[in-house]
């Protein structure tokens, strides 16, 4: 991947994989990860016009996953991967 901010959907996927929390991370870490991914995919959608709609799909997917984590009680202590 090129240095700096991701400019393509493939670059964004690589960033997401690199910053993925460990499976035992707490739900708030997973929620922050998912929301960060959504922002990243939205930004890439504007740059990688060939994959615009696919990047927007991934942004929505990450937002939904973050919402699922928000709906879970913190006490469960289960990773939200």
N, C-alpha and C. Protein backbone atom coordinates (compact mmCIF):
# COMPACT_ATOMS: atom_id res chain seq x y z
N UNK A 1 0.84 -1.18 0.00
CA UNK A 1 0.00 0.00 0.00
C UNK A 1 0.89 1.24 0.00
N UNK A 2 0.43 2.25 -0.65
CA UNK A 2 1.17 3.51 -0.71
C UNK A 2 1.16 4.20 0.66
N UNK A 3 2.16 5.03 0.90
CA UNK A 3 2.24 5.77 2.16
C UNK A 3 1.13 6.83 2.20
N UNK A 4 0.77 7.24 3.40
CA UNK A 4 -0.25 8.27 3.55
C UNK A 4 -1.63 7.68 3.65
N UNK A 5 -2.62 8.51 3.40
CA UNK A 5 -4.00 8.10 3.51
C UNK A 5 -4.38 7.15 2.37
N UNK A 6 -5.25 6.17 2.65
CA UNK A 6 -5.70 5.25 1.59
C UNK A 6 -6.46 6.01 0.52
N UNK A 7 -6.23 5.63 -0.71
CA UNK A 7 -6.90 6.29 -1.83
C UNK A 7 -7.80 5.34 -2.61
N UNK A 8 -7.66 4.04 -2.34
CA UNK A 8 -8.48 3.05 -3.04
C UNK A 8 -9.18 2.16 -2.02
N UNK A 9 -10.18 1.45 -2.48
CA UNK A 9 -10.89 0.52 -1.61
C UNK A 9 -9.95 -0.58 -1.12
N UNK A 10 -9.09 -1.06 -1.99
CA UNK A 10 -8.12 -2.07 -1.57
C UNK A 10 -7.21 -1.54 -0.47
N UNK A 11 -6.74 -0.32 -0.61
CA UNK A 11 -5.92 0.31 0.44
C UNK A 11 -6.69 0.35 1.76
N UNK A 12 -7.96 0.72 1.68
CA UNK A 12 -8.78 0.83 2.89
C UNK A 12 -8.93 -0.53 3.56
N UNK A 13 -9.16 -1.57 2.77
CA UNK A 13 -9.28 -2.91 3.34
C UNK A 13 -7.99 -3.30 4.07
N UNK A 14 -6.86 -2.95 3.50
CA UNK A 14 -5.58 -3.28 4.13
C UNK A 14 -5.41 -2.54 5.46
N UNK A 15 -5.81 -1.28 5.49
CA UNK A 15 -5.73 -0.50 6.73
C UNK A 15 -6.63 -1.13 7.80
N UNK A 16 -7.82 -1.51 7.40
CA UNK A 16 -8.77 -2.12 8.34
C UNK A 16 -8.18 -3.40 8.93
N UNK A 17 -7.60 -4.23 8.09
CA UNK A 17 -7.00 -5.47 8.59
C UNK A 17 -5.83 -5.20 9.53
N UNK A 18 -5.04 -4.19 9.22
CA UNK A 18 -3.87 -3.86 10.04
C UNK A 18 -4.24 -3.34 11.43
N UNK A 19 -5.37 -2.64 11.54
CA UNK A 19 -5.71 -2.03 12.82
C UNK A 19 -6.80 -2.78 13.59
N UNK A 20 -7.14 -3.96 13.13
CA UNK A 20 -8.17 -4.77 13.79
C UNK A 20 -7.77 -5.09 15.23
N UNK A 21 -8.69 -4.87 16.20
CA UNK A 21 -8.37 -5.20 17.59
C UNK A 21 -8.21 -6.72 17.78
N UNK A 22 -7.59 -7.08 18.87
CA UNK A 22 -7.47 -8.51 19.18
C UNK A 22 -8.84 -9.07 19.52
N UNK A 23 -8.99 -10.36 19.40
CA UNK A 23 -10.30 -10.97 19.64
C UNK A 23 -10.80 -10.75 21.06
N UNK A 24 -9.89 -10.54 22.01
CA UNK A 24 -10.30 -10.32 23.39
C UNK A 24 -10.52 -8.86 23.76
N UNK A 25 -10.45 -7.97 22.78
CA UNK A 25 -10.63 -6.54 23.06
C UNK A 25 -12.04 -6.26 23.58
N UNK A 26 -12.17 -5.22 24.38
CA UNK A 26 -13.49 -4.90 24.95
C UNK A 26 -14.41 -4.30 23.89
N UNK A 27 -15.70 -4.34 24.14
CA UNK A 27 -16.67 -3.84 23.15
C UNK A 27 -16.44 -2.39 22.72
N UNK A 28 -15.98 -1.53 23.63
CA UNK A 28 -15.77 -0.14 23.24
C UNK A 28 -14.63 -0.02 22.22
N UNK A 29 -13.62 -0.88 22.31
CA UNK A 29 -12.54 -0.88 21.32
C UNK A 29 -13.07 -1.34 19.97
N UNK A 30 -13.93 -2.36 20.00
CA UNK A 30 -14.52 -2.84 18.75
C UNK A 30 -15.44 -1.78 18.13
N UNK A 31 -16.20 -1.09 18.96
CA UNK A 31 -17.11 -0.06 18.44
C UNK A 31 -16.30 1.07 17.79
N UNK A 32 -15.24 1.50 18.46
CA UNK A 32 -14.37 2.55 17.90
C UNK A 32 -13.74 2.09 16.59
N UNK A 33 -13.34 0.84 16.53
CA UNK A 33 -12.78 0.26 15.31
C UNK A 33 -13.80 0.32 14.18
N UNK A 34 -15.01 -0.13 14.46
CA UNK A 34 -16.06 -0.14 13.42
C UNK A 34 -16.41 1.27 12.95
N UNK A 35 -16.53 2.22 13.87
CA UNK A 35 -16.86 3.59 13.47
C UNK A 35 -15.72 4.23 12.69
N UNK A 36 -14.50 3.95 13.06
CA UNK A 36 -13.34 4.43 12.31
C UNK A 36 -13.33 3.86 10.90
N UNK A 37 -13.68 2.59 10.79
CA UNK A 37 -13.75 1.96 9.47
C UNK A 37 -14.81 2.63 8.61
N UNK A 38 -15.95 2.92 9.19
CA UNK A 38 -17.02 3.58 8.44
C UNK A 38 -16.55 4.92 7.89
N UNK A 39 -15.87 5.70 8.73
CA UNK A 39 -15.35 7.00 8.26
C UNK A 39 -14.33 6.80 7.13
N UNK A 40 -13.48 5.81 7.29
CA UNK A 40 -12.47 5.53 6.27
C UNK A 40 -13.11 5.15 4.94
N UNK A 41 -14.08 4.26 4.98
CA UNK A 41 -14.73 3.83 3.74
C UNK A 41 -15.51 4.97 3.08
N UNK A 42 -16.11 5.85 3.87
CA UNK A 42 -16.80 7.01 3.29
C UNK A 42 -15.81 7.93 2.58
N UNK A 43 -14.67 8.13 3.19
CA UNK A 43 -13.66 8.99 2.57
C UNK A 43 -13.13 8.37 1.28
N UNK A 44 -12.91 7.07 1.30
CA UNK A 44 -12.40 6.39 0.11
C UNK A 44 -13.45 6.39 -1.00
N UNK A 45 -14.72 6.35 -0.64
CA UNK A 45 -15.78 6.36 -1.65
C UNK A 45 -15.69 7.60 -2.53
N UNK A 46 -15.24 8.71 -1.95
CA UNK A 46 -15.10 9.95 -2.72
C UNK A 46 -13.84 9.96 -3.57
N UNK A 47 -12.85 9.16 -3.19
CA UNK A 47 -11.58 9.15 -3.93
C UNK A 47 -11.53 8.07 -5.00
N UNK A 48 -12.01 6.88 -4.68
CA UNK A 48 -11.97 5.74 -5.59
C UNK A 48 -13.34 5.62 -6.26
N UNK A 49 -13.55 6.44 -7.26
CA UNK A 49 -14.87 6.51 -7.89
C UNK A 49 -15.26 5.21 -8.57
N UNK A 50 -14.31 4.39 -8.97
CA UNK A 50 -14.61 3.10 -9.58
C UNK A 50 -15.29 2.18 -8.57
N UNK A 51 -14.94 2.33 -7.31
CA UNK A 51 -15.50 1.49 -6.25
C UNK A 51 -16.38 2.28 -5.29
N UNK A 52 -16.92 3.39 -5.76
CA UNK A 52 -17.72 4.30 -4.93
C UNK A 52 -18.84 3.56 -4.18
N UNK A 53 -19.66 2.84 -4.91
CA UNK A 53 -20.82 2.19 -4.28
C UNK A 53 -20.40 1.06 -3.35
N UNK A 54 -19.37 0.34 -3.72
CA UNK A 54 -18.88 -0.73 -2.85
C UNK A 54 -18.31 -0.16 -1.54
N UNK A 55 -17.59 0.94 -1.65
CA UNK A 55 -17.05 1.58 -0.44
C UNK A 55 -18.18 2.08 0.45
N UNK A 56 -19.23 2.62 -0.15
CA UNK A 56 -20.38 3.06 0.64
C UNK A 56 -21.09 1.87 1.30
N UNK A 57 -21.13 0.74 0.60
CA UNK A 57 -21.68 -0.48 1.21
C UNK A 57 -20.90 -0.81 2.48
N UNK A 58 -19.56 -0.82 2.36
CA UNK A 58 -18.73 -1.16 3.52
C UNK A 58 -18.89 -0.15 4.65
N UNK A 59 -19.07 1.11 4.32
CA UNK A 59 -19.31 2.13 5.35
C UNK A 59 -20.60 1.80 6.11
N UNK A 60 -21.64 1.48 5.38
CA UNK A 60 -22.91 1.12 6.01
C UNK A 60 -22.81 -0.14 6.84
N UNK A 61 -22.08 -1.12 6.32
CA UNK A 61 -21.87 -2.38 7.04
C UNK A 61 -21.19 -2.10 8.39
N UNK A 62 -20.14 -1.30 8.36
CA UNK A 62 -19.40 -1.00 9.59
C UNK A 62 -20.27 -0.21 10.57
N UNK A 63 -21.09 0.69 10.08
CA UNK A 63 -22.00 1.44 10.96
C UNK A 63 -23.03 0.50 11.60
N UNK A 64 -23.53 -0.45 10.83
CA UNK A 64 -24.48 -1.42 11.39
C UNK A 64 -23.82 -2.26 12.48
N UNK A 65 -22.61 -2.72 12.21
CA UNK A 65 -21.89 -3.53 13.20
C UNK A 65 -21.62 -2.71 14.47
N UNK A 66 -21.27 -1.44 14.32
CA UNK A 66 -21.06 -0.57 15.49
C UNK A 66 -22.36 -0.43 16.27
N UNK A 67 -23.47 -0.32 15.57
CA UNK A 67 -24.77 -0.22 16.24
C UNK A 67 -25.12 -1.49 17.00
N UNK A 68 -24.76 -2.63 16.45
CA UNK A 68 -24.99 -3.90 17.14
C UNK A 68 -24.18 -3.96 18.44
N UNK A 69 -22.96 -3.46 18.38
CA UNK A 69 -22.11 -3.45 19.57
C UNK A 69 -22.71 -2.52 20.61
N UNK A 70 -23.22 -1.37 20.18
CA UNK A 70 -23.83 -0.41 21.10
C UNK A 70 -25.04 -1.01 21.80
N UNK A 71 -25.74 -1.90 21.10
CA UNK A 71 -26.95 -2.50 21.66
C UNK A 71 -26.63 -3.60 22.66
N UNK A 72 -25.41 -4.10 22.66
CA UNK A 72 -25.03 -5.17 23.58
C UNK A 72 -24.67 -4.59 24.94
N UNK A 73 -25.08 -5.28 25.99
CA UNK A 73 -24.66 -4.82 27.33
C UNK A 73 -23.14 -5.00 27.51
N UNK A 74 -22.49 -4.03 28.08
CA UNK A 74 -21.04 -4.10 28.33
C UNK A 74 -20.67 -5.28 29.21
N UNK A 75 -21.58 -5.69 30.07
CA UNK A 75 -21.30 -6.73 31.04
C UNK A 75 -21.04 -8.08 30.38
N UNK A 76 -21.51 -8.28 29.16
CA UNK A 76 -21.32 -9.56 28.50
C UNK A 76 -19.85 -9.89 28.36
N UNK A 77 -19.04 -8.87 28.04
CA UNK A 77 -17.62 -9.07 27.92
C UNK A 77 -17.18 -9.88 26.72
N UNK A 78 -18.06 -10.04 25.76
CA UNK A 78 -17.72 -10.82 24.56
C UNK A 78 -17.19 -9.90 23.49
N UNK A 79 -16.18 -10.35 22.74
CA UNK A 79 -15.71 -9.54 21.62
C UNK A 79 -16.80 -9.45 20.55
N UNK A 80 -16.84 -8.35 19.86
CA UNK A 80 -17.88 -8.11 18.86
C UNK A 80 -17.34 -8.24 17.46
N UNK A 81 -16.44 -9.15 17.24
CA UNK A 81 -15.87 -9.29 15.90
C UNK A 81 -16.86 -10.00 15.05
